[in-house]
Amino acid sequence: MSAVPRWALLSAAGAPLFLIGGWTLAQAAQPDGFDPVRQTISALAAADADQRWIMTVGLAGLGICHLATALGLVVAAPAGRGLLALGGLATLVLVAFPQHPGGGSTTHVVAAGVAFVALAVWPALAVHHRAAPSLGRVRRDPRDGSAPRVRWTALAVTAALLGLLGWFAVEFFTDGAWIGLTERLVAAAEAVVPLAAVLAALTFGRRPG
């Protein structure tokens, strides 16, 4: 019997759907001239955006999905689950404090920063010390090498996410030409990772006997 509830798969799959579906529909609702390569996701839910409710719903759904997935991913270590939940909560905070017309909003920027960092780091802290492919609660022979592989995979995922986040940070602080593209890359990657974790847990995880 799987240690992860099946509904966690729905919440994990919902995260990228809300995010990517949200920005796809919201971009289509903007006037001609909106550039997703240069303009951020937050601009689609800004106080002066056309049909801002679309991206607002998308971001709210994303945050709720992360919170639900953190609750359901019981095989993960508490620190990792806590950071995933923090990422979801911070996403809801930035929804409550949208970007001001013309840009700028300290609370929004801080909440977005917390969400991005938490969602990048959580995989590295989600693996138990005696991990197996389910993230750590399957009893296996410690000589089979499963635990080190899982830990290194989690660390590699976090390293890749932090690399994307670093690229976005450079674009953000220098008002780069690819700020919108880099934000979408890191946001999409961070939305997909919880789904991969849940799929791994459902595939390999079994309650210890």
Protein backbone atom coordinates (compact mmCIF):
# COMPACT_ATOMS: atom_id res chain seq x y z
CA MET A 1 0.00 0.00 0.00
CA SER A 2 1.36 3.41 -0.99
CA ALA A 3 2.38 5.69 1.85
CA VAL A 4 1.28 8.76 -0.16
CA PRO A 5 -2.45 9.47 -0.58
CA ARG A 6 -3.66 9.43 -4.16
CA TRP A 7 -5.11 12.93 -3.87
CA ALA A 8 -1.56 14.25 -3.53
CA LEU A 9 -1.10 13.37 -7.20
CA LEU A 10 -4.02 15.65 -8.08
CA SER A 11 -2.59 18.59 -6.13
CA ALA A 12 0.90 18.03 -7.53
CA ALA A 13 -0.39 17.82 -11.10
CA GLY A 14 -2.56 20.87 -10.51
CA ALA A 15 0.40 23.13 -9.73
CA PRO A 16 1.89 23.30 -13.26
CA LEU A 17 -1.60 23.33 -14.77
CA PHE A 18 -2.63 26.37 -12.75
CA LEU A 19 0.67 28.15 -13.38
CA ILE A 20 1.26 27.47 -17.07
CA GLY A 21 -2.43 27.45 -17.97
CA GLY A 22 -2.86 30.68 -16.05
CA TRP A 23 -0.12 32.58 -17.79
CA THR A 24 -1.10 31.18 -21.21
CA LEU A 25 -4.69 32.39 -20.87
CA ALA A 26 -3.70 35.66 -19.19
CA GLN A 27 -1.18 36.49 -21.91
CA ALA A 28 -3.84 35.91 -24.55
CA ALA A 29 -6.10 38.41 -22.75
CA GLN A 30 -3.50 41.20 -22.79
CA PRO A 31 -3.39 43.98 -25.39
CA ASP A 32 -1.07 43.61 -28.36
CA GLY A 33 2.50 44.28 -27.38
CA PHE A 34 2.69 42.16 -24.24
CA ASP A 35 6.07 40.43 -24.33
CA PRO A 36 6.37 37.28 -22.16
CA VAL A 37 10.13 37.28 -22.70
CA ARG A 38 10.58 40.71 -21.13
CA GLN A 39 7.52 40.99 -18.86
CA THR A 40 6.99 39.00 -15.68
CA ILE A 41 4.23 36.67 -14.58
CA SER A 42 3.34 39.18 -11.86
CA ALA A 43 2.55 41.75 -14.57
CA LEU A 44 -0.33 39.51 -15.65
CA ALA A 45 -1.89 39.74 -12.17
CA ALA A 46 -0.90 43.36 -11.50
CA ALA A 47 -3.51 45.82 -10.34
CA ASP A 48 -3.61 47.45 -13.79
CA ALA A 49 -3.49 44.27 -15.92
CA ASP A 50 -6.33 43.38 -18.27
CA GLN A 51 -8.32 40.40 -16.99
CA ARG A 52 -5.97 40.17 -14.01
CA TRP A 53 -8.29 37.66 -12.36
CA ILE A 54 -7.01 34.93 -14.71
CA MET A 55 -3.42 34.98 -13.43
CA THR A 56 -4.64 35.71 -9.91
CA VAL A 57 -6.63 32.47 -9.96
CA GLY A 58 -3.67 30.69 -11.51
CA LEU A 59 -1.26 31.82 -8.78
CA ALA A 60 -3.77 31.15 -6.00
CA GLY A 61 -4.34 27.65 -7.36
CA LEU A 62 -0.58 27.14 -7.52
CA GLY A 63 -0.14 28.12 -3.88
CA ILE A 64 -3.00 25.93 -2.69
CA CYS A 65 -1.66 22.97 -4.68
CA HIS A 66 1.78 23.31 -3.08
CA LEU A 67 0.23 23.43 0.39
CA ALA A 68 -1.86 20.33 -0.33
CA THR A 69 1.09 18.45 -1.80
CA ALA A 70 3.22 19.28 1.23
CA LEU A 71 0.48 17.83 3.42
CA GLY A 72 0.19 14.66 1.38
CA LEU A 73 3.86 13.95 0.72
CA VAL A 74 4.26 12.18 4.04
CA VAL A 75 7.30 10.17 2.95
CA ALA A 76 9.39 13.34 2.66
CA ALA A 77 11.42 14.70 5.56
CA PRO A 78 9.66 17.40 7.61
CA ALA A 79 12.15 20.12 6.63
CA GLY A 80 11.47 19.58 2.95
CA ARG A 81 7.72 19.44 3.40
CA GLY A 82 7.87 22.60 5.48
CA LEU A 83 9.72 24.50 2.76
CA LEU A 84 7.28 23.27 0.11
CA ALA A 85 4.41 24.50 2.27
CA LEU A 86 6.24 27.80 2.83
CA GLY A 87 6.55 28.20 -0.93
CA GLY A 88 2.81 27.67 -1.29
CA LEU A 89 1.99 30.10 1.51
CA ALA A 90 4.33 32.77 0.12
CA THR A 91 2.64 32.37 -3.26
CA LEU A 92 -0.72 33.12 -1.65
CA VAL A 93 0.78 36.18 0.05
CA LEU A 94 2.03 37.61 -3.25
CA VAL A 95 -1.46 37.04 -4.68
CA ALA A 96 -2.92 39.06 -1.80
CA PHE A 97 -0.42 41.86 -2.48
CA PRO A 98 -0.32 42.21 -6.29
CA GLN A 99 2.21 44.24 -8.20
CA HIS A 100 1.37 47.94 -8.26
CA PRO A 101 0.60 49.74 -11.52
CA GLY A 102 3.90 50.40 -13.24
CA GLY A 103 5.70 47.87 -11.02
CA GLY A 104 6.91 47.92 -7.45
CA SER A 105 5.50 46.48 -4.25
CA THR A 106 7.86 45.52 -1.46
CA THR A 107 5.56 42.89 0.06
CA HIS A 108 4.94 41.32 -3.34
CA VAL A 109 8.65 41.17 -4.20
CA VAL A 110 9.62 39.74 -0.80
CA ALA A 111 6.87 37.11 -0.96
CA ALA A 112 7.93 36.13 -4.48
CA GLY A 113 11.54 35.86 -3.34
CA VAL A 114 10.61 33.64 -0.40
CA ALA A 115 8.49 31.43 -2.65
CA PHE A 116 11.20 31.04 -5.28
CA VAL A 117 13.93 30.19 -2.76
CA ALA A 118 11.79 27.81 -0.69
CA LEU A 119 10.60 25.94 -3.79
CA ALA A 120 14.17 25.64 -5.06
CA VAL A 121 15.67 24.34 -1.82
CA TRP A 122 12.97 21.98 -0.55
CA PRO A 123 14.05 18.89 -2.61
CA ALA A 124 17.48 18.85 -0.97
CA LEU A 125 15.89 18.78 2.48
CA ALA A 126 13.10 16.35 1.63
CA VAL A 127 15.25 13.23 1.72
CA HIS A 128 15.59 11.27 4.95
CA HIS A 129 19.06 10.22 6.02
CA ARG A 130 18.20 6.59 5.26
CA ALA A 131 16.46 7.36 2.00
CA ALA A 132 15.21 5.02 -0.65
CA PRO A 133 13.42 5.81 -3.94
CA SER A 134 10.22 6.80 -2.12
CA LEU A 135 12.16 9.64 -0.46
CA GLY A 136 13.14 7.59 2.51
CA ARG A 137 10.65 5.26 4.12
CA VAL A 138 11.10 2.03 2.24
CA ARG A 139 13.06 -0.67 4.00
CA ARG A 140 15.89 -1.76 1.79
CA ASP A 141 19.29 -3.30 2.16
CA PRO A 142 21.60 -0.39 3.02
CA ARG A 143 24.22 -1.91 0.73
CA ASP A 144 22.11 -1.45 -2.42
CA GLY A 145 23.14 2.19 -2.88
CA SER A 146 19.58 3.53 -3.17
CA ALA A 147 19.91 6.15 -0.46
CA PRO A 148 22.99 7.90 -1.86
CA ARG A 149 21.44 8.01 -5.34
CA VAL A 150 18.26 9.59 -4.03
CA ARG A 151 20.18 12.14 -2.00
CA TRP A 152 22.40 13.07 -4.94
CA THR A 153 19.40 13.32 -7.23
CA ALA A 154 17.65 15.66 -4.79
CA LEU A 155 20.78 17.77 -4.46
CA ALA A 156 21.17 17.91 -8.25
CA VAL A 157 17.55 19.03 -8.64
CA THR A 158 18.04 21.79 -6.07
CA ALA A 159 21.30 22.85 -7.76
CA ALA A 160 19.54 23.08 -11.13
CA LEU A 161 16.65 25.08 -9.64
CA LEU A 162 19.04 27.45 -7.88
CA GLY A 163 20.92 27.89 -11.15
CA LEU A 164 17.73 28.91 -12.93
CA LEU A 165 16.78 31.13 -10.02
CA GLY A 166 20.20 32.78 -10.11
CA TRP A 167 19.80 33.51 -13.81
CA PHE A 168 16.40 35.06 -13.15
CA ALA A 169 17.81 37.11 -10.24
CA VAL A 170 20.50 38.56 -12.53
CA GLU A 171 17.87 39.49 -15.10
CA PHE A 172 15.61 40.95 -12.41
CA PHE A 173 18.20 43.14 -10.73
CA THR A 174 19.71 44.35 -14.01
CA ASP A 175 16.34 44.81 -15.77
CA GLY A 176 17.54 42.32 -18.35
CA ALA A 177 15.92 41.54 -21.67
CA TRP A 178 15.04 37.98 -20.60
CA ILE A 179 13.46 38.64 -17.22
CA GLY A 180 10.08 37.21 -18.23
CA LEU A 181 11.55 34.14 -19.90
CA THR A 182 13.87 33.27 -17.03
CA GLU A 183 11.08 33.72 -14.47
CA ARG A 184 8.84 31.39 -16.44
CA LEU A 185 11.60 28.78 -16.70
CA VAL A 186 12.31 28.69 -12.96
CA ALA A 187 8.63 28.92 -11.99
CA ALA A 188 7.65 26.08 -14.32
CA ALA A 189 10.54 23.89 -13.12
CA GLU A 190 9.63 24.50 -9.48
CA ALA A 191 6.00 23.64 -10.20
CA VAL A 192 6.90 20.32 -11.85
CA VAL A 193 9.33 19.03 -9.19
CA PRO A 194 6.65 18.24 -6.55
CA LEU A 195 4.78 16.24 -9.20
CA ALA A 196 7.93 14.23 -9.92
CA ALA A 197 8.39 13.61 -6.18
CA VAL A 198 4.82 12.38 -5.75
CA LEU A 199 5.09 10.13 -8.81
CA ALA A 200 8.31 8.64 -7.42
CA ALA A 201 6.68 8.08 -4.04
CA LEU A 202 3.62 6.43 -5.58
CA THR A 203 5.76 4.27 -7.83
CA PHE A 204 8.30 3.04 -5.30
CA GLY A 205 6.81 3.81 -1.92
CA ARG A 206 5.20 1.18 0.25
CA ARG A 207 4.40 1.38 3.91
CA PRO A 208 7.01 -0.48 5.93
CA GLY A 209 5.80 -3.82 7.16
